[in-house]
């Protein structure tokens, strides 16, 4: 009789959401996390998005927990982000409206940026540090033949066709609803997927790819510049080296700060429940 009663209680008990983390008692459910992960994936620009791997979910899991902690700590530090600041970041992405989950992810990102600025505002990189890094890492500045790409992501086929025609004519594309424009970046030809290389052949300046279908919309690429293989001179990479060394120093400061933050919180993490 007892086993039958236990089975009845199990079937009649309410289904509790699966908890994947607790932060000072604040529970994070698997449903909450997967919803945030889905929104995050849709907003990331990829040449070939593919299906998310367990490692993708695991990495985002720790970033998501970090974001929650940042929200908690920011208030104590007197750091805040307004709705207008979130909207401004969205406008820079070519978006007017957004899922509430995306707005919260952006708010966490902005909070961390403000905290990082406050903690690292006095950091400096000397000219000597730049020269030493360049000399010891010169191979890092050898570049094969490269092309500079302008990346445009359109949410549907009609917007993609419109953007493609404008870029082919040499027109200047501006962000608008349903159109996201990425920063121009240099890419080695060999690093690009074969599908992309075919779309850009013969790799001349001004070539525009036909829209490439992705899970997140349609990707259009335009070659805005090209350069031959060779070593970049220090004069051309000085700012890049300075930023890299400064970022290393910033990361060290932020890691140290975050370790101190963690001491004030009781964390229970169950990343294995994401599988």
C-alpha atoms as a PDB file:
ATOM      1  CA  UNK A   1       0.000   0.000   0.000  1.00  0.00           C
ATOM      2  CA  UNK A   2       2.818   2.405   0.885  1.00  0.00           C
ATOM      3  CA  UNK A   3       4.548   2.284  -2.550  1.00  0.00           C
ATOM      4  CA  UNK A   4       1.211   2.987  -4.273  1.00  0.00           C
ATOM      5  CA  UNK A   5       0.647   6.025  -2.008  1.00  0.00           C
ATOM      6  CA  UNK A   6       4.131   7.365  -2.766  1.00  0.00           C
ATOM      7  CA  UNK A   7       3.514   7.026  -6.508  1.00  0.00           C
ATOM      8  CA  UNK A   8       0.226   8.913  -6.123  1.00  0.00           C
ATOM      9  CA  UNK A   9       1.963  11.727  -4.231  1.00  0.00           C
ATOM     10  CA  UNK A  10       4.612  11.989  -6.954  1.00  0.00           C
ATOM     11  CA  UNK A  11       2.008  12.278  -9.707  1.00  0.00           C
ATOM     12  CA  UNK A  12      -0.041  14.830  -7.744  1.00  0.00           C
ATOM     13  CA  UNK A  13       2.928  16.965  -6.653  1.00  0.00           C
ATOM     14  CA  UNK A  14       3.460  20.193  -8.613  1.00  0.00           C
ATOM     15  CA  UNK A  15       6.363  20.210 -11.080  1.00  0.00           C
ATOM     16  CA  UNK A  16       9.157  22.370  -9.692  1.00  0.00           C
ATOM     17  CA  UNK A  17      11.462  24.169 -12.110  1.00  0.00           C
ATOM     18  CA  UNK A  18      14.941  22.653 -12.273  1.00  0.00           C
ATOM     19  CA  UNK A  19      17.389  24.900 -10.432  1.00  0.00           C
ATOM     20  CA  UNK A  20      20.834  25.248 -12.037  1.00  0.00           C
ATOM     21  CA  UNK A  21      22.249  27.823  -9.600  1.00  0.00           C
ATOM     22  CA  UNK A  22      21.634  29.586  -6.297  1.00  0.00           C
ATOM     23  CA  UNK A  23      23.208  32.947  -5.500  1.00  0.00           C
ATOM     24  CA  UNK A  24      22.685  33.888  -1.847  1.00  0.00           C
ATOM     25  CA  UNK A  25      19.380  32.014  -2.067  1.00  0.00           C
ATOM     26  CA  UNK A  26      18.336  33.578  -5.403  1.00  0.00           C
ATOM     27  CA  UNK A  27      17.457  30.618  -7.646  1.00  0.00           C
ATOM     28  CA  UNK A  28      18.281  30.473 -11.348  1.00  0.00           C
ATOM     29  CA  UNK A  29      16.152  27.937 -13.186  1.00  0.00           C
ATOM     30  CA  UNK A  30      17.067  25.980 -16.279  1.00  0.00           C
ATOM     31  CA  UNK A  31      14.115  27.548 -18.087  1.00  0.00           C
ATOM     32  CA  UNK A  32      15.325  31.088 -17.284  1.00  0.00           C
ATOM     33  CA  UNK A  33      18.842  30.265 -18.437  1.00  0.00           C
ATOM     34  CA  UNK A  34      17.814  28.593 -21.706  1.00  0.00           C
ATOM     35  CA  UNK A  35      15.562  31.532 -22.561  1.00  0.00           C
ATOM     36  CA  UNK A  36      18.460  33.946 -22.039  1.00  0.00           C
ATOM     37  CA  UNK A  37      20.786  31.670 -24.019  1.00  0.00           C
ATOM     38  CA  UNK A  38      18.347  31.535 -26.926  1.00  0.00           C
ATOM     39  CA  UNK A  39      18.108  35.338 -27.057  1.00  0.00           C
ATOM     40  CA  UNK A  40      21.885  35.660 -26.768  1.00  0.00           C
ATOM     41  CA  UNK A  41      22.456  33.231 -29.651  1.00  0.00           C
ATOM     42  CA  UNK A  42      20.108  35.106 -31.957  1.00  0.00           C
ATOM     43  CA  UNK A  43      21.953  38.373 -31.347  1.00  0.00           C
ATOM     44  CA  UNK A  44      25.448  37.027 -32.063  1.00  0.00           C
ATOM     45  CA  UNK A  45      26.661  37.457 -35.631  1.00  0.00           C
ATOM     46  CA  UNK A  46      28.268  34.326 -37.090  1.00  0.00           C
ATOM     47  CA  UNK A  47      29.333  33.268 -40.554  1.00  0.00           C
ATOM     48  CA  UNK A  48      28.150  29.752 -39.722  1.00  0.00           C
ATOM     49  CA  UNK A  49      26.101  29.673 -36.503  1.00  0.00           C
ATOM     50  CA  UNK A  50      25.433  25.924 -36.447  1.00  0.00           C
ATOM     51  CA  UNK A  51      23.845  24.286 -33.406  1.00  0.00           C
ATOM     52  CA  UNK A  52      25.006  25.305 -29.921  1.00  0.00           C
ATOM     53  CA  UNK A  53      27.321  22.811 -28.251  1.00  0.00           C
ATOM     54  CA  UNK A  54      27.372  21.836 -24.561  1.00  0.00           C
ATOM     55  CA  UNK A  55      30.551  23.914 -24.263  1.00  0.00           C
ATOM     56  CA  UNK A  56      28.688  26.960 -25.696  1.00  0.00           C
ATOM     57  CA  UNK A  57      26.006  26.570 -23.027  1.00  0.00           C
ATOM     58  CA  UNK A  58      28.579  26.034 -20.292  1.00  0.00           C
ATOM     59  CA  UNK A  59      30.531  29.194 -21.219  1.00  0.00           C
ATOM     60  CA  UNK A  60      27.373  31.278 -21.325  1.00  0.00           C
ATOM     61  CA  UNK A  61      26.246  29.748 -18.008  1.00  0.00           C
ATOM     62  CA  UNK A  62      29.247  31.217 -16.161  1.00  0.00           C
ATOM     63  CA  UNK A  63      28.871  34.557 -17.971  1.00  0.00           C
ATOM     64  CA  UNK A  64      25.183  34.625 -17.002  1.00  0.00           C
ATOM     65  CA  UNK A  65      25.976  33.993 -13.334  1.00  0.00           C
ATOM     66  CA  UNK A  66      28.671  36.667 -13.508  1.00  0.00           C
ATOM     67  CA  UNK A  67      26.079  39.096 -14.900  1.00  0.00           C
ATOM     68  CA  UNK A  68      23.751  38.456 -11.974  1.00  0.00           C
ATOM     69  CA  UNK A  69      26.571  39.127  -9.516  1.00  0.00           C
ATOM     70  CA  UNK A  70      27.458  42.331 -11.379  1.00  0.00           C
ATOM     71  CA  UNK A  71      23.842  43.511 -11.021  1.00  0.00           C
ATOM     72  CA  UNK A  72      24.012  42.872  -7.281  1.00  0.00           C
ATOM     73  CA  UNK A  73      27.377  44.582  -6.748  1.00  0.00           C
ATOM     74  CA  UNK A  74      26.682  47.579  -9.014  1.00  0.00           C
ATOM     75  CA  UNK A  75      24.065  48.944  -6.619  1.00  0.00           C
ATOM     76  CA  UNK A  76      26.507  48.873  -3.716  1.00  0.00           C
ATOM     77  CA  UNK A  77      29.064  50.719  -5.879  1.00  0.00           C
ATOM     78  CA  UNK A  78      26.562  53.383  -6.898  1.00  0.00           C
ATOM     79  CA  UNK A  79      26.739  52.273 -10.538  1.00  0.00           C
ATOM     80  CA  UNK A  80      23.521  52.261 -12.542  1.00  0.00           C
ATOM     81  CA  UNK A  81      22.290  52.040 -16.132  1.00  0.00           C
ATOM     82  CA  UNK A  82      19.187  53.862 -17.342  1.00  0.00           C
ATOM     83  CA  UNK A  83      16.588  52.554 -19.780  1.00  0.00           C
ATOM     84  CA  UNK A  84      17.704  55.254 -22.206  1.00  0.00           C
ATOM     85  CA  UNK A  85      21.272  53.931 -22.123  1.00  0.00           C
ATOM     86  CA  UNK A  86      19.964  50.448 -22.947  1.00  0.00           C
ATOM     87  CA  UNK A  87      17.875  51.881 -25.782  1.00  0.00           C
ATOM     88  CA  UNK A  88      20.880  53.793 -27.116  1.00  0.00           C
ATOM     89  CA  UNK A  89      22.925  50.579 -27.285  1.00  0.00           C
ATOM     90  CA  UNK A  90      20.041  48.944 -29.151  1.00  0.00           C
ATOM     91  CA  UNK A  91      19.888  51.847 -31.617  1.00  0.00           C
ATOM     92  CA  UNK A  92      23.594  51.396 -32.294  1.00  0.00           C
ATOM     93  CA  UNK A  93      22.725  47.822 -33.244  1.00  0.00           C
ATOM     94  CA  UNK A  94      20.008  49.052 -35.582  1.00  0.00           C
ATOM     95  CA  UNK A  95      17.184  47.991 -33.246  1.00  0.00           C
ATOM     96  CA  UNK A  96      14.266  50.028 -31.912  1.00  0.00           C
ATOM     97  CA  UNK A  97      12.501  47.386 -29.857  1.00  0.00           C
ATOM     98  CA  UNK A  98      13.893  44.292 -28.156  1.00  0.00           C
ATOM     99  CA  UNK A  99      12.915  41.304 -26.065  1.00  0.00           C
ATOM    100  CA  UNK A 100      12.962  42.171 -22.328  1.00  0.00           C
ATOM    101  CA  UNK A 101      15.523  39.400 -21.834  1.00  0.00           C
ATOM    102  CA  UNK A 102      17.850  41.080 -24.347  1.00  0.00           C
ATOM    103  CA  UNK A 103      17.412  44.432 -22.617  1.00  0.00           C
ATOM    104  CA  UNK A 104      18.470  42.864 -19.337  1.00  0.00           C
ATOM    105  CA  UNK A 105      21.508  41.229 -20.935  1.00  0.00           C
ATOM    106  CA  UNK A 106      22.503  44.612 -22.365  1.00  0.00           C
ATOM    107  CA  UNK A 107      22.014  46.264 -18.969  1.00  0.00           C
ATOM    108  CA  UNK A 108      24.393  43.749 -17.371  1.00  0.00           C
ATOM    109  CA  UNK A 109      26.944  44.383 -20.107  1.00  0.00           C
ATOM    110  CA  UNK A 110      26.737  48.150 -19.621  1.00  0.00           C
ATOM    111  CA  UNK A 111      27.024  47.806 -15.842  1.00  0.00           C
ATOM    112  CA  UNK A 112      30.188  45.733 -16.227  1.00  0.00           C
ATOM    113  CA  UNK A 113      31.617  48.284 -18.678  1.00  0.00           C
ATOM    114  CA  UNK A 114      31.017  51.111 -16.207  1.00  0.00           C
ATOM    115  CA  UNK A 115      32.525  49.153 -13.326  1.00  0.00           C
ATOM    116  CA  UNK A 116      35.541  48.257 -15.468  1.00  0.00           C
ATOM    117  CA  UNK A 117      36.016  51.906 -16.457  1.00  0.00           C
ATOM    118  CA  UNK A 118      35.966  52.970 -12.818  1.00  0.00           C
ATOM    119  CA  UNK A 119      38.426  50.295 -11.691  1.00  0.00           C
ATOM    120  CA  UNK A 120      40.892  50.740 -14.565  1.00  0.00           C
ATOM    121  CA  UNK A 121      40.715  54.436 -15.454  1.00  0.00           C
ATOM    122  CA  UNK A 122      44.262  55.092 -14.184  1.00  0.00           C
ATOM    123  CA  UNK A 123      45.980  52.214 -16.001  1.00  0.00           C
ATOM    124  CA  UNK A 124      48.662  53.171 -18.545  1.00  0.00           C
ATOM    125  CA  UNK A 125      50.920  51.412 -21.085  1.00  0.00           C
ATOM    126  CA  UNK A 126      54.377  52.865 -21.726  1.00  0.00           C
ATOM    127  CA  UNK A 127      56.098  53.210 -25.107  1.00  0.00           C
ATOM    128  CA  UNK A 128      58.850  50.907 -23.826  1.00  0.00           C
ATOM    129  CA  UNK A 129      56.318  48.171 -23.035  1.00  0.00           C
ATOM    130  CA  UNK A 130      54.921  48.506 -26.560  1.00  0.00           C
ATOM    131  CA  UNK A 131      58.352  48.216 -28.232  1.00  0.00           C
ATOM    132  CA  UNK A 132      59.373  45.217 -26.131  1.00  0.00           C
ATOM    133  CA  UNK A 133      56.126  43.401 -26.912  1.00  0.00           C
ATOM    134  CA  UNK A 134      56.489  44.098 -30.647  1.00  0.00           C
ATOM    135  CA  UNK A 135      60.081  42.820 -30.784  1.00  0.00           C
ATOM    136  CA  UNK A 136      59.332  39.668 -28.793  1.00  0.00           C
ATOM    137  CA  UNK A 137      56.158  38.865 -30.705  1.00  0.00           C
ATOM    138  CA  UNK A 138      56.973  40.018 -34.250  1.00  0.00           C
ATOM    139  CA  UNK A 139      55.605  36.809 -35.779  1.00  0.00           C
ATOM    140  CA  UNK A 140      52.229  37.837 -34.437  1.00  0.00           C
ATOM    141  CA  UNK A 141      52.260  40.704 -36.915  1.00  0.00           C
ATOM    142  CA  UNK A 142      52.922  38.632 -40.021  1.00  0.00           C
ATOM    143  CA  UNK A 143      49.794  38.639 -42.092  1.00  0.00           C
ATOM    144  CA  UNK A 144      48.854  36.535 -45.115  1.00  0.00           C
ATOM    145  CA  UNK A 145      46.846  38.108 -47.912  1.00  0.00           C
ATOM    146  CA  UNK A 146      43.780  39.712 -46.344  1.00  0.00           C
ATOM    147  CA  UNK A 147      40.526  41.379 -47.234  1.00  0.00           C
ATOM    148  CA  UNK A 148      38.597  43.905 -45.179  1.00  0.00           C
ATOM    149  CA  UNK A 149      34.914  43.082 -44.886  1.00  0.00           C
ATOM    150  CA  UNK A 150      31.845  45.131 -44.127  1.00  0.00           C
ATOM    151  CA  UNK A 151      29.240  42.819 -42.583  1.00  0.00           C
ATOM    152  CA  UNK A 152      25.506  43.427 -42.850  1.00  0.00           C
ATOM    153  CA  UNK A 153      22.815  41.232 -41.292  1.00  0.00           C
ATOM    154  CA  UNK A 154      19.225  41.586 -42.562  1.00  0.00           C
ATOM    155  CA  UNK A 155      16.323  39.964 -40.765  1.00  0.00           C
ATOM    156  CA  UNK A 156      14.466  38.909 -43.949  1.00  0.00           C
ATOM    157  CA  UNK A 157      15.059  38.295 -47.657  1.00  0.00           C
ATOM    158  CA  UNK A 158      13.494  41.545 -48.891  1.00  0.00           C
ATOM    159  CA  UNK A 159      15.669  43.714 -46.646  1.00  0.00           C
ATOM    160  CA  UNK A 160      18.684  41.639 -47.686  1.00  0.00           C
ATOM    161  CA  UNK A 161      17.989  42.229 -51.384  1.00  0.00           C
ATOM    162  CA  UNK A 162      17.582  45.960 -50.784  1.00  0.00           C
ATOM    163  CA  UNK A 163      20.895  46.136 -48.887  1.00  0.00           C
ATOM    164  CA  UNK A 164      22.655  44.045 -51.556  1.00  0.00           C
ATOM    165  CA  UNK A 165      21.508  46.296 -54.401  1.00  0.00           C
ATOM    166  CA  UNK A 166      22.536  49.454 -52.531  1.00  0.00           C
ATOM    167  CA  UNK A 167      25.998  48.109 -51.703  1.00  0.00           C
ATOM    168  CA  UNK A 168      26.524  46.938 -55.302  1.00  0.00           C
ATOM    169  CA  UNK A 169      25.845  50.476 -56.507  1.00  0.00           C
ATOM    170  CA  UNK A 170      28.414  51.852 -54.060  1.00  0.00           C
ATOM    171  CA  UNK A 171      25.779  53.389 -51.794  1.00  0.00           C
ATOM    172  CA  UNK A 172      26.214  53.969 -48.074  1.00  0.00           C
ATOM    173  CA  UNK A 173      24.036  51.700 -45.938  1.00  0.00           C
ATOM    174  CA  UNK A 174      22.643  53.072 -42.671  1.00  0.00           C
ATOM    175  CA  UNK A 175      21.291  51.110 -39.674  1.00  0.00           C
ATOM    176  CA  UNK A 176      17.533  50.739 -39.610  1.00  0.00           C
ATOM    177  CA  UNK A 177      14.932  48.375 -38.208  1.00  0.00           C
ATOM    178  CA  UNK A 178      15.823  44.868 -39.361  1.00  0.00           C
ATOM    179  CA  UNK A 179      19.305  45.850 -40.620  1.00  0.00           C
ATOM    180  CA  UNK A 180      22.440  45.447 -38.487  1.00  0.00           C
ATOM    181  CA  UNK A 181      25.794  46.746 -39.696  1.00  0.00           C
ATOM    182  CA  UNK A 182      28.973  45.328 -38.159  1.00  0.00           C
ATOM    183  CA  UNK A 183      32.322  47.061 -37.908  1.00  0.00           C
ATOM    184  CA  UNK A 184      34.683  46.585 -40.838  1.00  0.00           C
ATOM    185  CA  UNK A 185      37.321  43.974 -40.026  1.00  0.00           C
ATOM    186  CA  UNK A 186      40.290  42.334 -41.698  1.00  0.00           C
ATOM    187  CA  UNK A 187      40.097  38.613 -42.484  1.00  0.00           C
ATOM    188  CA  UNK A 188      42.646  36.201 -43.908  1.00  0.00           C
ATOM    189  CA  UNK A 189      41.221  34.654 -47.057  1.00  0.00           C
ATOM    190  CA  UNK A 190      42.132  31.167 -45.822  1.00  0.00           C
ATOM    191  CA  UNK A 191      40.277  31.711 -42.541  1.00  0.00           C
ATOM    192  CA  UNK A 192      36.951  32.283 -44.292  1.00  0.00           C
ATOM    193  CA  UNK A 193      34.575  29.358 -44.892  1.00  0.00           C
ATOM    194  CA  UNK A 194      34.678  28.026 -48.448  1.00  0.00           C
ATOM    195  CA  UNK A 195      31.052  29.059 -48.956  1.00  0.00           C
ATOM    196  CA  UNK A 196      31.968  32.673 -48.135  1.00  0.00           C
ATOM    197  CA  UNK A 197      35.079  32.644 -50.337  1.00  0.00           C
ATOM    198  CA  UNK A 198      33.025  31.502 -53.309  1.00  0.00           C
ATOM    199  CA  UNK A 199      30.594  34.370 -52.770  1.00  0.00           C
ATOM    200  CA  UNK A 200      33.437  36.932 -52.733  1.00  0.00           C
ATOM    201  CA  UNK A 201      35.529  35.681 -55.668  1.00  0.00           C
ATOM    202  CA  UNK A 202      37.645  37.214 -57.311  1.00  0.00           C
ATOM    203  CA  UNK A 203      38.358  39.076 -54.029  1.00  0.00           C
ATOM    204  CA  UNK A 204      38.590  42.539 -55.521  1.00  0.00           C
ATOM    205  CA  UNK A 205      37.814  45.730 -53.618  1.00  0.00           C
ATOM    206  CA  UNK A 206      34.121  46.532 -54.026  1.00  0.00           C
ATOM    207  CA  UNK A 207      32.919  42.928 -54.461  1.00  0.00           C
ATOM    208  CA  UNK A 208      29.607  42.302 -52.671  1.00  0.00           C
ATOM    209  CA  UNK A 209      28.392  38.809 -51.808  1.00  0.00           C
ATOM    210  CA  UNK A 210      24.864  37.727 -52.569  1.00  0.00           C
ATOM    211  CA  UNK A 211      22.840  37.264 -49.354  1.00  0.00           C
ATOM    212  CA  UNK A 212      23.925  34.203 -47.362  1.00  0.00           C
ATOM    213  CA  UNK A 213      21.126  32.474 -45.442  1.00  0.00           C
ATOM    214  CA  UNK A 214      21.802  32.058 -41.700  1.00  0.00           C
ATOM    215  CA  UNK A 215      19.678  30.993 -38.744  1.00  0.00           C
ATOM    216  CA  UNK A 216      19.625  34.643 -37.649  1.00  0.00           C
ATOM    217  CA  UNK A 217      18.751  36.180 -41.029  1.00  0.00           C
ATOM    218  CA  UNK A 218      20.699  37.009 -44.183  1.00  0.00           C
ATOM    219  CA  UNK A 219      24.370  37.988 -44.225  1.00  0.00           C
ATOM    220  CA  UNK A 220      25.789  40.312 -46.903  1.00  0.00           C
ATOM    221  CA  UNK A 221      29.528  40.965 -47.138  1.00  0.00           C
ATOM    222  CA  UNK A 222      31.394  43.693 -49.010  1.00  0.00           C
ATOM    223  CA  UNK A 223      35.153  43.843 -49.611  1.00  0.00           C
ATOM    224  CA  UNK A 224      36.201  47.393 -48.707  1.00  0.00           C
ATOM    225  CA  UNK A 225      39.977  46.900 -48.915  1.00  0.00           C
ATOM    226  CA  UNK A 226      42.709  44.325 -49.589  1.00  0.00           C
ATOM    227  CA  UNK A 227      46.378  43.981 -48.619  1.00  0.00           C
ATOM    228  CA  UNK A 228      49.257  41.668 -49.483  1.00  0.00           C
ATOM    229  CA  UNK A 229      51.073  39.341 -47.095  1.00  0.00           C
ATOM    230  CA  UNK A 230      53.937  40.687 -44.946  1.00  0.00           C
ATOM    231  CA  UNK A 231      55.033  42.023 -41.528  1.00  0.00           C
ATOM    232  CA  UNK A 232      53.152  45.044 -40.265  1.00  0.00           C
ATOM    233  CA  UNK A 233      55.458  47.875 -39.090  1.00  0.00           C
ATOM    234  CA  UNK A 234      55.318  49.048 -35.465  1.00  0.00           C
ATOM    235  CA  UNK A 235      53.904  52.400 -36.588  1.00  0.00           C
ATOM    236  CA  UNK A 236      50.840  50.592 -37.931  1.00  0.00           C
ATOM    237  CA  UNK A 237      50.266  48.296 -34.955  1.00  0.00           C
ATOM    238  CA  UNK A 238      51.302  50.599 -32.082  1.00  0.00           C
ATOM    239  CA  UNK A 239      47.714  51.378 -31.071  1.00  0.00           C
ATOM    240  CA  UNK A 240      46.744  47.728 -31.356  1.00  0.00           C
ATOM    241  CA  UNK A 241      49.615  46.663 -29.097  1.00  0.00           C
ATOM    242  CA  UNK A 242      48.756  49.422 -26.625  1.00  0.00           C
ATOM    243  CA  UNK A 243      45.126  48.252 -26.510  1.00  0.00           C
ATOM    244  CA  UNK A 244      46.192  44.627 -26.110  1.00  0.00           C
ATOM    245  CA  UNK A 245      48.564  45.365 -23.228  1.00  0.00           C
ATOM    246  CA  UNK A 246      45.996  47.648 -21.629  1.00  0.00           C
ATOM    247  CA  UNK A 247      43.351  44.931 -21.920  1.00  0.00           C
ATOM    248  CA  UNK A 248      45.712  42.449 -20.248  1.00  0.00           C
ATOM    249  CA  UNK A 249      46.180  44.861 -17.344  1.00  0.00           C
ATOM    250  CA  UNK A 250      42.424  45.486 -17.181  1.00  0.00           C
ATOM    251  CA  UNK A 251      41.691  41.760 -17.108  1.00  0.00           C
ATOM    252  CA  UNK A 252      44.097  41.298 -14.228  1.00  0.00           C
ATOM    253  CA  UNK A 253      42.417  44.096 -12.273  1.00  0.00           C
ATOM    254  CA  UNK A 254      38.920  42.776 -13.017  1.00  0.00           C
ATOM    255  CA  UNK A 255      39.835  39.189 -12.120  1.00  0.00           C
ATOM    256  CA  UNK A 256      41.252  40.354  -8.809  1.00  0.00           C
ATOM    257  CA  UNK A 257      38.141  42.466  -8.181  1.00  0.00           C
ATOM    258  CA  UNK A 258      35.803  39.601  -9.064  1.00  0.00           C
ATOM    259  CA  UNK A 259      37.625  37.199  -6.737  1.00  0.00           C
ATOM    260  CA  UNK A 260      36.985  39.659  -3.909  1.00  0.00           C
ATOM    261  CA  UNK A 261      33.308  39.956  -4.933  1.00  0.00           C
ATOM    262  CA  UNK A 262      32.864  36.182  -4.827  1.00  0.00           C
ATOM    263  CA  UNK A 263      33.965  36.099  -1.187  1.00  0.00           C
ATOM    264  CA  UNK A 264      30.785  37.942  -0.243  1.00  0.00           C
ATOM    265  CA  UNK A 265      28.395  35.491  -1.927  1.00  0.00           C
ATOM    266  CA  UNK A 266      27.262  31.949  -1.296  1.00  0.00           C
ATOM    267  CA  UNK A 267      27.136  30.189  -4.655  1.00  0.00           C
ATOM    268  CA  UNK A 268      25.691  26.815  -5.600  1.00  0.00           C
ATOM    269  CA  UNK A 269      26.309  26.030  -9.276  1.00  0.00           C
ATOM    270  CA  UNK A 270      25.015  22.983 -11.150  1.00  0.00           C
ATOM    271  CA  UNK A 271      26.240  23.318 -14.770  1.00  0.00           C
ATOM    272  CA  UNK A 272      25.819  19.549 -15.235  1.00  0.00           C
ATOM    273  CA  UNK A 273      22.045  20.114 -15.219  1.00  0.00           C
ATOM    274  CA  UNK A 274      22.313  21.980 -18.537  1.00  0.00           C
ATOM    275  CA  UNK A 275      22.858  18.744 -20.457  1.00  0.00           C
END
